[in-house]
N, C-alpha and C. Protein backbone atom coordinates (compact mmCIF):
# COMPACT_ATOMS: atom_id res chain seq x y z
N MET A 1 -92.74 -50.63 -16.44
CA MET A 1 -91.90 -49.85 -15.54
C MET A 1 -91.10 -50.78 -14.62
N LYS A 2 -91.78 -51.81 -14.11
CA LYS A 2 -91.12 -52.75 -13.22
C LYS A 2 -89.99 -53.48 -13.96
N ASN A 3 -90.21 -53.77 -15.22
CA ASN A 3 -89.23 -54.45 -16.04
C ASN A 3 -87.98 -53.58 -16.24
N ILE A 4 -88.17 -52.29 -16.46
CA ILE A 4 -87.06 -51.36 -16.67
C ILE A 4 -86.23 -51.26 -15.38
N LEU A 5 -86.88 -51.17 -14.23
CA LEU A 5 -86.15 -51.11 -12.97
C LEU A 5 -85.37 -52.40 -12.72
N ASN A 6 -85.95 -53.52 -13.06
CA ASN A 6 -85.30 -54.82 -12.89
C ASN A 6 -84.03 -54.89 -13.76
N ILE A 7 -84.12 -54.49 -15.02
CA ILE A 7 -82.98 -54.49 -15.94
C ILE A 7 -81.91 -53.51 -15.45
N THR A 8 -82.34 -52.34 -15.02
CA THR A 8 -81.41 -51.32 -14.53
C THR A 8 -80.65 -51.83 -13.31
N LEU A 9 -81.34 -52.46 -12.38
CA LEU A 9 -80.71 -53.01 -11.19
C LEU A 9 -79.71 -54.10 -11.55
N ARG A 10 -80.06 -54.96 -12.49
CA ARG A 10 -79.15 -56.03 -12.92
C ARG A 10 -77.90 -55.44 -13.57
N LEU A 11 -78.08 -54.44 -14.43
CA LEU A 11 -76.93 -53.81 -15.07
C LEU A 11 -76.04 -53.12 -14.04
N PHE A 12 -76.66 -52.48 -13.06
CA PHE A 12 -75.90 -51.83 -12.00
C PHE A 12 -75.07 -52.85 -11.23
N ILE A 13 -75.65 -53.96 -10.90
CA ILE A 13 -74.93 -55.01 -10.15
C ILE A 13 -73.79 -55.58 -10.99
N ILE A 14 -74.03 -55.81 -12.28
CA ILE A 14 -72.99 -56.32 -13.16
C ILE A 14 -71.83 -55.32 -13.24
N CYS A 15 -72.16 -54.05 -13.39
CA CYS A 15 -71.13 -53.00 -13.45
C CYS A 15 -70.36 -52.93 -12.14
N LEU A 16 -71.05 -53.02 -11.03
CA LEU A 16 -70.41 -52.98 -9.72
C LEU A 16 -69.44 -54.14 -9.54
N ILE A 17 -69.85 -55.32 -9.94
CA ILE A 17 -68.98 -56.50 -9.85
C ILE A 17 -67.77 -56.34 -10.77
N SER A 18 -67.99 -55.82 -11.97
CA SER A 18 -66.89 -55.60 -12.92
C SER A 18 -65.88 -54.60 -12.38
N VAL A 19 -66.36 -53.51 -11.84
CA VAL A 19 -65.47 -52.49 -11.27
C VAL A 19 -64.69 -53.07 -10.10
N ALA A 20 -65.34 -53.83 -9.26
CA ALA A 20 -64.66 -54.45 -8.11
C ALA A 20 -63.59 -55.43 -8.59
N ALA A 21 -63.91 -56.20 -9.62
CA ALA A 21 -62.93 -57.16 -10.15
C ALA A 21 -61.73 -56.43 -10.76
N LEU A 22 -61.97 -55.39 -11.51
CA LEU A 22 -60.87 -54.62 -12.11
C LEU A 22 -60.01 -53.95 -11.04
N ALA A 23 -60.64 -53.42 -10.03
CA ALA A 23 -59.90 -52.78 -8.93
C ALA A 23 -59.05 -53.82 -8.21
N GLY A 24 -59.59 -55.01 -8.01
CA GLY A 24 -58.84 -56.07 -7.35
C GLY A 24 -57.64 -56.52 -8.17
N VAL A 25 -57.83 -56.70 -9.47
CA VAL A 25 -56.72 -57.09 -10.34
C VAL A 25 -55.66 -55.99 -10.37
N ASN A 26 -56.11 -54.74 -10.43
CA ASN A 26 -55.16 -53.61 -10.42
C ASN A 26 -54.34 -53.63 -9.13
N GLU A 27 -54.98 -53.83 -8.02
CA GLU A 27 -54.28 -53.83 -6.74
C GLU A 27 -53.29 -54.99 -6.66
N LEU A 28 -53.67 -56.16 -7.19
CA LEU A 28 -52.79 -57.32 -7.15
C LEU A 28 -51.57 -57.17 -8.07
N THR A 29 -51.72 -56.46 -9.18
CA THR A 29 -50.64 -56.35 -10.16
C THR A 29 -49.84 -55.06 -10.06
N LYS A 30 -50.27 -54.11 -9.26
CA LYS A 30 -49.63 -52.80 -9.19
C LYS A 30 -48.15 -52.90 -8.82
N ALA A 31 -47.82 -53.68 -7.82
CA ALA A 31 -46.43 -53.81 -7.38
C ALA A 31 -45.57 -54.46 -8.46
N ARG A 32 -46.10 -55.47 -9.10
CA ARG A 32 -45.35 -56.17 -10.16
C ARG A 32 -45.11 -55.25 -11.36
N ILE A 33 -46.09 -54.45 -11.71
CA ILE A 33 -45.94 -53.51 -12.82
C ILE A 33 -44.87 -52.47 -12.48
N ALA A 34 -44.86 -51.98 -11.27
CA ALA A 34 -43.85 -51.01 -10.84
C ALA A 34 -42.45 -51.64 -10.87
N GLU A 35 -42.33 -52.89 -10.41
CA GLU A 35 -41.04 -53.59 -10.44
C GLU A 35 -40.56 -53.75 -11.88
N ASN A 36 -41.47 -54.11 -12.78
CA ASN A 36 -41.10 -54.27 -14.19
C ASN A 36 -40.66 -52.95 -14.80
N ALA A 37 -41.32 -51.86 -14.44
CA ALA A 37 -40.94 -50.55 -14.96
C ALA A 37 -39.53 -50.17 -14.49
N VAL A 38 -39.21 -50.43 -13.23
CA VAL A 38 -37.88 -50.14 -12.70
C VAL A 38 -36.84 -51.03 -13.39
N ALA A 39 -37.16 -52.30 -13.59
CA ALA A 39 -36.23 -53.21 -14.27
C ALA A 39 -35.99 -52.77 -15.71
N ASP A 40 -37.03 -52.34 -16.40
CA ASP A 40 -36.89 -51.85 -17.78
C ASP A 40 -36.02 -50.60 -17.82
N LEU A 41 -36.23 -49.69 -16.88
CA LEU A 41 -35.43 -48.47 -16.84
C LEU A 41 -33.97 -48.80 -16.53
N ASN A 42 -33.72 -49.71 -15.60
CA ASN A 42 -32.34 -50.09 -15.28
C ASN A 42 -31.65 -50.73 -16.48
N ALA A 43 -32.38 -51.58 -17.20
CA ALA A 43 -31.80 -52.20 -18.40
C ALA A 43 -31.49 -51.15 -19.45
N ALA A 44 -32.40 -50.18 -19.62
CA ALA A 44 -32.16 -49.10 -20.58
C ALA A 44 -30.96 -48.27 -20.18
N MET A 45 -30.83 -47.97 -18.89
CA MET A 45 -29.70 -47.16 -18.43
C MET A 45 -28.38 -47.91 -18.66
N GLN A 46 -28.35 -49.21 -18.41
CA GLN A 46 -27.13 -49.99 -18.64
C GLN A 46 -26.78 -50.02 -20.13
N GLU A 47 -27.79 -50.03 -20.98
CA GLU A 47 -27.56 -50.03 -22.42
C GLU A 47 -27.11 -48.65 -22.91
N LEU A 48 -27.66 -47.59 -22.34
CA LEU A 48 -27.36 -46.24 -22.80
C LEU A 48 -26.02 -45.71 -22.30
N VAL A 49 -25.58 -46.19 -21.16
CA VAL A 49 -24.25 -45.85 -20.65
C VAL A 49 -23.54 -47.19 -20.53
N PRO A 50 -22.91 -47.63 -21.64
CA PRO A 50 -22.37 -48.99 -21.73
C PRO A 50 -21.40 -49.34 -20.61
N ALA A 51 -21.48 -50.59 -20.16
CA ALA A 51 -20.67 -51.06 -19.03
C ALA A 51 -19.18 -51.00 -19.32
N GLU A 52 -18.76 -51.11 -20.58
CA GLU A 52 -17.34 -51.09 -20.87
C GLU A 52 -16.72 -49.71 -20.64
N SER A 53 -17.56 -48.67 -20.48
CA SER A 53 -17.02 -47.34 -20.26
C SER A 53 -16.79 -47.02 -18.78
N TYR A 54 -17.14 -47.94 -17.91
CA TYR A 54 -16.95 -47.69 -16.48
C TYR A 54 -16.96 -49.02 -15.74
N SER A 55 -16.58 -48.96 -14.50
CA SER A 55 -16.69 -50.16 -13.66
C SER A 55 -17.41 -49.76 -12.38
N ASN A 56 -18.37 -50.55 -12.00
CA ASN A 56 -19.13 -50.33 -10.77
C ASN A 56 -19.79 -48.96 -10.71
N ALA A 57 -20.35 -48.52 -11.81
CA ALA A 57 -21.03 -47.21 -11.80
C ALA A 57 -22.33 -47.32 -11.03
N ASP A 58 -22.69 -46.23 -10.41
CA ASP A 58 -23.91 -46.15 -9.64
C ASP A 58 -24.76 -45.03 -10.26
N PHE A 59 -26.00 -45.35 -10.62
CA PHE A 59 -26.89 -44.34 -11.18
C PHE A 59 -27.60 -43.62 -10.05
N THR A 60 -27.45 -42.32 -10.01
CA THR A 60 -28.06 -41.49 -8.98
C THR A 60 -29.16 -40.67 -9.63
N ASP A 61 -30.34 -40.73 -9.04
CA ASP A 61 -31.47 -39.96 -9.54
C ASP A 61 -31.21 -38.48 -9.27
N PHE A 62 -31.31 -37.67 -10.32
CA PHE A 62 -31.12 -36.23 -10.19
C PHE A 62 -32.48 -35.62 -9.88
N ILE A 63 -32.60 -34.93 -8.78
CA ILE A 63 -33.88 -34.35 -8.38
C ILE A 63 -34.00 -32.97 -8.99
N LYS A 64 -35.07 -32.77 -9.74
CA LYS A 64 -35.26 -31.54 -10.49
C LYS A 64 -36.24 -30.63 -9.77
N ASP A 65 -35.77 -29.94 -8.75
CA ASP A 65 -36.69 -29.09 -8.01
C ASP A 65 -36.26 -27.63 -7.97
N SER A 66 -35.25 -27.29 -8.76
CA SER A 66 -34.79 -25.90 -8.72
C SER A 66 -35.71 -25.00 -9.54
N ALA A 67 -35.78 -23.76 -9.15
CA ALA A 67 -36.61 -22.79 -9.87
C ALA A 67 -36.11 -22.62 -11.29
N ASP A 68 -34.78 -22.69 -11.49
CA ASP A 68 -34.22 -22.56 -12.84
C ASP A 68 -34.73 -23.66 -13.75
N PHE A 69 -34.74 -24.90 -13.22
CA PHE A 69 -35.21 -26.02 -14.03
C PHE A 69 -36.68 -25.84 -14.40
N LEU A 70 -37.48 -25.45 -13.44
CA LEU A 70 -38.91 -25.29 -13.69
C LEU A 70 -39.18 -24.18 -14.69
N ALA A 71 -38.30 -23.19 -14.76
CA ALA A 71 -38.50 -22.07 -15.67
C ALA A 71 -37.90 -22.33 -17.05
N ALA A 72 -37.11 -23.40 -17.19
CA ALA A 72 -36.44 -23.67 -18.46
C ALA A 72 -37.47 -23.97 -19.55
N ASP A 73 -37.16 -23.51 -20.76
CA ASP A 73 -38.05 -23.69 -21.90
C ASP A 73 -37.44 -24.71 -22.85
N TYR A 74 -37.95 -25.93 -22.81
CA TYR A 74 -37.46 -27.01 -23.66
C TYR A 74 -38.57 -27.48 -24.59
N SER A 75 -38.17 -28.12 -25.70
CA SER A 75 -39.16 -28.60 -26.66
C SER A 75 -39.73 -29.96 -26.27
N ALA A 76 -39.16 -30.61 -25.27
CA ALA A 76 -39.69 -31.86 -24.72
C ALA A 76 -39.67 -31.73 -23.20
N THR A 77 -40.43 -32.56 -22.52
CA THR A 77 -40.52 -32.49 -21.06
C THR A 77 -39.59 -33.51 -20.41
N VAL A 78 -38.69 -33.05 -19.58
CA VAL A 78 -37.81 -33.95 -18.83
C VAL A 78 -38.62 -34.52 -17.68
N THR A 79 -38.75 -35.85 -17.64
CA THR A 79 -39.51 -36.47 -16.56
C THR A 79 -38.60 -37.05 -15.48
N ASP A 80 -37.35 -37.37 -15.85
CA ASP A 80 -36.40 -37.88 -14.88
C ASP A 80 -35.00 -37.77 -15.46
N ALA A 81 -34.00 -37.78 -14.62
CA ALA A 81 -32.62 -37.71 -15.07
C ALA A 81 -31.74 -38.45 -14.07
N TYR A 82 -30.74 -39.13 -14.60
CA TYR A 82 -29.84 -39.93 -13.77
C TYR A 82 -28.40 -39.61 -14.13
N ILE A 83 -27.54 -39.62 -13.13
CA ILE A 83 -26.12 -39.41 -13.32
C ILE A 83 -25.43 -40.74 -12.99
N ALA A 84 -24.61 -41.24 -13.92
CA ALA A 84 -23.85 -42.47 -13.69
C ALA A 84 -22.47 -42.07 -13.20
N LYS A 85 -22.14 -42.51 -11.98
CA LYS A 85 -20.84 -42.19 -11.40
C LYS A 85 -20.11 -43.46 -11.00
N SER A 86 -18.81 -43.43 -11.15
CA SER A 86 -17.95 -44.47 -10.62
C SER A 86 -17.05 -43.76 -9.61
N GLY A 87 -17.39 -43.92 -8.34
CA GLY A 87 -16.74 -43.12 -7.30
C GLY A 87 -17.21 -41.68 -7.47
N ASP A 88 -16.28 -40.76 -7.60
CA ASP A 88 -16.62 -39.35 -7.83
C ASP A 88 -16.60 -38.99 -9.31
N GLN A 89 -16.18 -39.94 -10.15
CA GLN A 89 -16.04 -39.70 -11.58
C GLN A 89 -17.38 -39.88 -12.29
N VAL A 90 -17.85 -38.84 -13.00
CA VAL A 90 -19.08 -38.94 -13.79
C VAL A 90 -18.76 -39.72 -15.06
N GLU A 91 -19.55 -40.77 -15.30
CA GLU A 91 -19.35 -41.62 -16.48
C GLU A 91 -20.36 -41.31 -17.57
N GLY A 92 -21.49 -40.76 -17.20
CA GLY A 92 -22.51 -40.44 -18.19
C GLY A 92 -23.81 -40.04 -17.55
N TYR A 93 -24.79 -39.81 -18.40
CA TYR A 93 -26.12 -39.37 -17.95
C TYR A 93 -27.19 -40.12 -18.72
N VAL A 94 -28.33 -40.29 -18.09
CA VAL A 94 -29.51 -40.81 -18.77
C VAL A 94 -30.65 -39.84 -18.44
N VAL A 95 -31.27 -39.32 -19.50
CA VAL A 95 -32.38 -38.38 -19.33
C VAL A 95 -33.63 -39.03 -19.91
N VAL A 96 -34.70 -39.04 -19.14
CA VAL A 96 -35.98 -39.60 -19.57
C VAL A 96 -36.89 -38.43 -19.92
N LEU A 97 -37.45 -38.47 -21.13
CA LEU A 97 -38.26 -37.35 -21.62
C LEU A 97 -39.58 -37.81 -22.20
N ALA A 98 -40.55 -36.91 -22.15
CA ALA A 98 -41.83 -37.12 -22.82
C ALA A 98 -41.93 -36.06 -23.91
N THR A 99 -42.24 -36.49 -25.12
CA THR A 99 -42.34 -35.58 -26.24
C THR A 99 -43.60 -35.88 -27.04
N LYS A 100 -44.02 -34.93 -27.83
CA LYS A 100 -45.25 -35.09 -28.59
C LYS A 100 -44.94 -35.70 -29.94
N GLY A 101 -45.60 -36.79 -30.24
CA GLY A 101 -45.53 -37.41 -31.55
C GLY A 101 -46.86 -37.23 -32.25
N TYR A 102 -47.02 -37.86 -33.40
CA TYR A 102 -48.27 -37.75 -34.14
C TYR A 102 -49.42 -38.43 -33.40
N GLY A 103 -49.15 -39.60 -32.82
CA GLY A 103 -50.20 -40.38 -32.17
C GLY A 103 -50.35 -40.12 -30.69
N GLY A 104 -49.55 -39.26 -30.13
CA GLY A 104 -49.62 -38.99 -28.70
C GLY A 104 -48.23 -38.81 -28.12
N THR A 105 -48.08 -39.15 -26.86
CA THR A 105 -46.81 -38.96 -26.16
C THR A 105 -45.84 -40.09 -26.47
N ILE A 106 -44.59 -39.70 -26.72
CA ILE A 106 -43.49 -40.65 -26.91
C ILE A 106 -42.56 -40.47 -25.73
N THR A 107 -42.23 -41.57 -25.04
CA THR A 107 -41.28 -41.53 -23.94
C THR A 107 -39.93 -42.01 -24.45
N VAL A 108 -38.92 -41.15 -24.31
CA VAL A 108 -37.60 -41.43 -24.85
C VAL A 108 -36.57 -41.38 -23.72
N ASN A 109 -35.71 -42.40 -23.66
CA ASN A 109 -34.58 -42.43 -22.74
C ASN A 109 -33.34 -42.11 -23.57
N VAL A 110 -32.61 -41.08 -23.18
CA VAL A 110 -31.42 -40.66 -23.93
C VAL A 110 -30.19 -40.80 -23.05
N GLY A 111 -29.18 -41.51 -23.57
CA GLY A 111 -27.92 -41.65 -22.86
C GLY A 111 -26.91 -40.66 -23.38
N LEU A 112 -26.13 -40.10 -22.47
CA LEU A 112 -25.10 -39.13 -22.84
C LEU A 112 -23.80 -39.50 -22.14
N SER A 113 -22.70 -39.27 -22.82
CA SER A 113 -21.39 -39.49 -22.21
C SER A 113 -21.10 -38.34 -21.25
N ALA A 114 -20.02 -38.45 -20.52
CA ALA A 114 -19.63 -37.37 -19.60
C ALA A 114 -19.33 -36.09 -20.39
N GLU A 115 -18.97 -36.25 -21.67
CA GLU A 115 -18.68 -35.09 -22.53
C GLU A 115 -19.94 -34.58 -23.23
N LEU A 116 -21.10 -35.11 -22.86
CA LEU A 116 -22.41 -34.73 -23.41
C LEU A 116 -22.58 -35.07 -24.88
N LYS A 117 -22.01 -36.19 -25.29
CA LYS A 117 -22.28 -36.74 -26.62
C LYS A 117 -23.30 -37.85 -26.44
N VAL A 118 -24.24 -37.92 -27.37
CA VAL A 118 -25.30 -38.93 -27.29
C VAL A 118 -24.68 -40.32 -27.45
N THR A 119 -24.94 -41.20 -26.48
CA THR A 119 -24.47 -42.58 -26.56
C THR A 119 -25.56 -43.52 -27.03
N GLY A 120 -26.78 -43.04 -27.07
CA GLY A 120 -27.89 -43.85 -27.55
C GLY A 120 -29.23 -43.29 -27.11
N ALA A 121 -30.27 -43.83 -27.71
CA ALA A 121 -31.64 -43.45 -27.36
C ALA A 121 -32.51 -44.69 -27.46
N ILE A 122 -33.45 -44.79 -26.55
CA ILE A 122 -34.40 -45.90 -26.52
C ILE A 122 -35.78 -45.31 -26.32
N ILE A 123 -36.73 -45.74 -27.13
CA ILE A 123 -38.12 -45.33 -26.93
C ILE A 123 -38.77 -46.38 -26.05
N SER A 124 -39.20 -45.95 -24.86
CA SER A 124 -39.78 -46.92 -23.92
C SER A 124 -41.28 -47.06 -24.07
N SER A 125 -41.95 -46.04 -24.61
CA SER A 125 -43.38 -46.18 -24.88
C SER A 125 -43.81 -45.15 -25.93
N HIS A 126 -44.81 -45.54 -26.71
CA HIS A 126 -45.37 -44.63 -27.72
C HIS A 126 -46.72 -45.16 -28.17
N THR A 127 -47.47 -44.30 -28.83
CA THR A 127 -48.76 -44.69 -29.42
C THR A 127 -48.79 -44.26 -30.88
N GLU A 128 -47.64 -44.36 -31.54
CA GLU A 128 -47.52 -43.92 -32.92
C GLU A 128 -48.12 -44.95 -33.87
N THR A 129 -48.41 -44.51 -35.08
CA THR A 129 -49.02 -45.35 -36.10
C THR A 129 -48.08 -46.48 -36.49
N PRO A 130 -48.54 -47.74 -36.41
CA PRO A 130 -47.70 -48.87 -36.83
C PRO A 130 -47.27 -48.70 -38.29
N GLY A 131 -46.01 -48.99 -38.56
CA GLY A 131 -45.50 -48.89 -39.92
C GLY A 131 -45.05 -47.49 -40.32
N LEU A 132 -45.43 -46.49 -39.55
CA LEU A 132 -45.00 -45.11 -39.85
C LEU A 132 -44.27 -44.56 -38.64
N GLY A 133 -44.98 -43.83 -37.79
CA GLY A 133 -44.36 -43.21 -36.62
C GLY A 133 -43.74 -44.22 -35.67
N ALA A 134 -44.27 -45.43 -35.64
CA ALA A 134 -43.71 -46.46 -34.76
C ALA A 134 -42.30 -46.84 -35.17
N ARG A 135 -41.93 -46.54 -36.41
CA ARG A 135 -40.58 -46.84 -36.89
C ARG A 135 -39.52 -45.96 -36.22
N THR A 136 -39.95 -44.92 -35.50
CA THR A 136 -38.97 -44.11 -34.75
C THR A 136 -38.33 -44.93 -33.63
N ALA A 137 -38.94 -46.03 -33.26
CA ALA A 137 -38.37 -46.90 -32.22
C ALA A 137 -37.35 -47.87 -32.79
N ASP A 138 -37.21 -47.91 -34.12
CA ASP A 138 -36.26 -48.82 -34.76
C ASP A 138 -34.83 -48.40 -34.46
N LYS A 139 -33.99 -49.39 -34.27
CA LYS A 139 -32.57 -49.14 -33.98
C LYS A 139 -31.92 -48.32 -35.08
N SER A 140 -32.26 -48.58 -36.33
CA SER A 140 -31.64 -47.86 -37.45
C SER A 140 -31.94 -46.36 -37.38
N PHE A 141 -33.12 -45.99 -36.92
CA PHE A 141 -33.46 -44.57 -36.78
C PHE A 141 -32.74 -43.98 -35.57
N LEU A 142 -32.81 -44.65 -34.43
CA LEU A 142 -32.24 -44.12 -33.19
C LEU A 142 -30.72 -44.05 -33.21
N ASP A 143 -30.07 -44.96 -33.95
CA ASP A 143 -28.61 -44.94 -34.02
C ASP A 143 -28.06 -43.70 -34.71
N GLN A 144 -28.90 -42.98 -35.45
CA GLN A 144 -28.45 -41.75 -36.10
C GLN A 144 -28.03 -40.68 -35.09
N PHE A 145 -28.55 -40.77 -33.88
CA PHE A 145 -28.26 -39.76 -32.87
C PHE A 145 -26.94 -39.99 -32.15
N ILE A 146 -26.40 -41.20 -32.23
CA ILE A 146 -25.17 -41.53 -31.51
C ILE A 146 -24.03 -40.62 -31.98
N GLY A 147 -23.35 -40.04 -31.01
CA GLY A 147 -22.22 -39.16 -31.29
C GLY A 147 -22.60 -37.70 -31.46
N LYS A 148 -23.89 -37.40 -31.54
CA LYS A 148 -24.33 -36.01 -31.70
C LYS A 148 -24.11 -35.26 -30.39
N SER A 149 -23.83 -33.98 -30.52
CA SER A 149 -23.71 -33.11 -29.35
C SER A 149 -24.16 -31.72 -29.76
N GLY A 150 -24.29 -30.84 -28.79
CA GLY A 150 -24.77 -29.50 -29.10
C GLY A 150 -26.22 -29.54 -29.52
N SER A 151 -26.59 -28.67 -30.41
CA SER A 151 -27.98 -28.61 -30.88
C SER A 151 -28.25 -29.74 -31.88
N VAL A 152 -29.32 -30.48 -31.67
CA VAL A 152 -29.70 -31.58 -32.56
C VAL A 152 -31.03 -31.20 -33.21
N THR A 153 -31.04 -31.15 -34.54
CA THR A 153 -32.26 -30.79 -35.27
C THR A 153 -32.63 -31.89 -36.24
N LEU A 154 -33.80 -31.76 -36.80
CA LEU A 154 -34.29 -32.72 -37.79
C LEU A 154 -33.41 -32.73 -39.03
N ASP A 155 -32.69 -31.64 -39.29
CA ASP A 155 -31.78 -31.58 -40.43
C ASP A 155 -30.56 -32.48 -40.23
N ASP A 156 -30.26 -32.86 -38.99
CA ASP A 156 -29.09 -33.66 -38.67
C ASP A 156 -29.30 -35.16 -38.90
N ILE A 157 -30.54 -35.56 -39.14
CA ILE A 157 -30.86 -36.99 -39.27
C ILE A 157 -31.72 -37.23 -40.50
N ASN A 158 -31.89 -38.49 -40.85
CA ASN A 158 -32.82 -38.86 -41.91
C ASN A 158 -34.16 -39.18 -41.26
N ALA A 159 -35.11 -38.27 -41.42
CA ALA A 159 -36.44 -38.48 -40.83
C ALA A 159 -37.12 -39.63 -41.55
N ILE A 160 -38.05 -40.23 -40.88
CA ILE A 160 -38.82 -41.33 -41.47
C ILE A 160 -39.87 -40.73 -42.39
N SER A 161 -39.86 -41.16 -43.64
CA SER A 161 -40.80 -40.65 -44.64
C SER A 161 -42.24 -40.95 -44.20
N GLY A 162 -43.05 -39.92 -44.18
CA GLY A 162 -44.45 -40.08 -43.76
C GLY A 162 -44.64 -39.98 -42.26
N ALA A 163 -43.56 -39.79 -41.53
CA ALA A 163 -43.64 -39.71 -40.07
C ALA A 163 -42.80 -38.54 -39.56
N THR A 164 -42.95 -37.40 -40.23
CA THR A 164 -42.15 -36.23 -39.87
C THR A 164 -42.45 -35.75 -38.45
N ILE A 165 -43.70 -35.76 -38.05
CA ILE A 165 -44.06 -35.29 -36.70
C ILE A 165 -43.44 -36.18 -35.64
N SER A 166 -43.50 -37.48 -35.83
CA SER A 166 -42.91 -38.42 -34.87
C SER A 166 -41.39 -38.27 -34.86
N SER A 167 -40.79 -38.14 -36.05
CA SER A 167 -39.33 -37.97 -36.15
C SER A 167 -38.90 -36.68 -35.45
N ARG A 168 -39.67 -35.63 -35.66
CA ARG A 168 -39.36 -34.34 -35.02
C ARG A 168 -39.49 -34.46 -33.50
N GLY A 169 -40.50 -35.18 -33.03
CA GLY A 169 -40.68 -35.35 -31.59
C GLY A 169 -39.49 -36.04 -30.94
N VAL A 170 -39.00 -37.13 -31.57
CA VAL A 170 -37.85 -37.85 -31.01
C VAL A 170 -36.60 -36.97 -31.08
N THR A 171 -36.44 -36.26 -32.19
CA THR A 171 -35.30 -35.34 -32.33
C THR A 171 -35.35 -34.25 -31.27
N ASN A 172 -36.51 -33.70 -31.01
CA ASN A 172 -36.66 -32.69 -29.96
C ASN A 172 -36.29 -33.26 -28.60
N ALA A 173 -36.65 -34.52 -28.36
CA ALA A 173 -36.31 -35.15 -27.07
C ALA A 173 -34.80 -35.28 -26.92
N VAL A 174 -34.12 -35.72 -27.97
CA VAL A 174 -32.66 -35.86 -27.91
C VAL A 174 -32.02 -34.48 -27.71
N ASP A 175 -32.49 -33.49 -28.45
CA ASP A 175 -31.96 -32.13 -28.32
C ASP A 175 -32.17 -31.61 -26.89
N THR A 176 -33.35 -31.83 -26.35
CA THR A 176 -33.65 -31.39 -24.98
C THR A 176 -32.75 -32.10 -23.98
N ALA A 177 -32.49 -33.39 -24.18
CA ALA A 177 -31.62 -34.13 -23.26
C ALA A 177 -30.23 -33.52 -23.22
N VAL A 178 -29.70 -33.19 -24.39
CA VAL A 178 -28.36 -32.59 -24.46
C VAL A 178 -28.36 -31.23 -23.76
N LYS A 179 -29.37 -30.40 -24.05
CA LYS A 179 -29.45 -29.08 -23.42
C LYS A 179 -29.64 -29.18 -21.91
N PHE A 180 -30.50 -30.09 -21.48
CA PHE A 180 -30.76 -30.26 -20.06
C PHE A 180 -29.49 -30.70 -19.33
N ALA A 181 -28.77 -31.65 -19.93
CA ALA A 181 -27.54 -32.11 -19.30
C ALA A 181 -26.53 -30.97 -19.19
N ALA A 182 -26.43 -30.17 -20.23
CA ALA A 182 -25.49 -29.04 -20.20
C ALA A 182 -25.92 -27.99 -19.18
N ASP A 183 -27.22 -27.76 -19.09
CA ASP A 183 -27.74 -26.72 -18.19
C ASP A 183 -27.72 -27.11 -16.72
N PHE A 184 -28.04 -28.37 -16.43
CA PHE A 184 -28.27 -28.74 -15.03
C PHE A 184 -27.44 -29.93 -14.54
N LEU A 185 -27.38 -31.00 -15.31
CA LEU A 185 -26.71 -32.19 -14.81
C LEU A 185 -25.21 -32.00 -14.63
N LYS A 186 -24.59 -31.32 -15.57
CA LYS A 186 -23.14 -31.12 -15.50
C LYS A 186 -22.77 -30.27 -14.27
N LYS A 187 -23.70 -29.47 -13.78
CA LYS A 187 -23.45 -28.61 -12.61
C LYS A 187 -23.74 -29.35 -11.30
N ALA A 188 -24.44 -30.49 -11.39
CA ALA A 188 -24.85 -31.20 -10.17
C ALA A 188 -23.68 -31.89 -9.49
């Protein structure tokens, strides 16, 4: 009995030290991780609303707190939206969405022109199967969406063979971005 208590106490102390070390590392790296996430988003926004289409554009975060937005029924979840303006002139939009893929959540950044045509899409995170669903992040797949407007369906693109669920998820995100921009961003 004494031996079991001794082992239990040692394991407890080891776990306590491990938790404290992990918490300390998390606290030390939290700010840097947040800075990197903002830098990645800014780079994606600059890529999705190309610099040659505007000069000195400023991305403004669109705050989604209206009752209409909360009641909207989309196939993907809008997590953030930005309006690129040069002075008072709208140059484009970037919509950040979370959609369901085969392996879990896929985060997609979709760029739109002022006319609501897709200028590009970037997958910023996913947990899809390597070699299958992960191929939705390939430029060759995402470039199929460029120039699309209105309703975007899986019939409009070449889905990745063996990764229909992941392809559908990304397509739903692009479709939702176009609808969201038409419904809310263009009115902002």
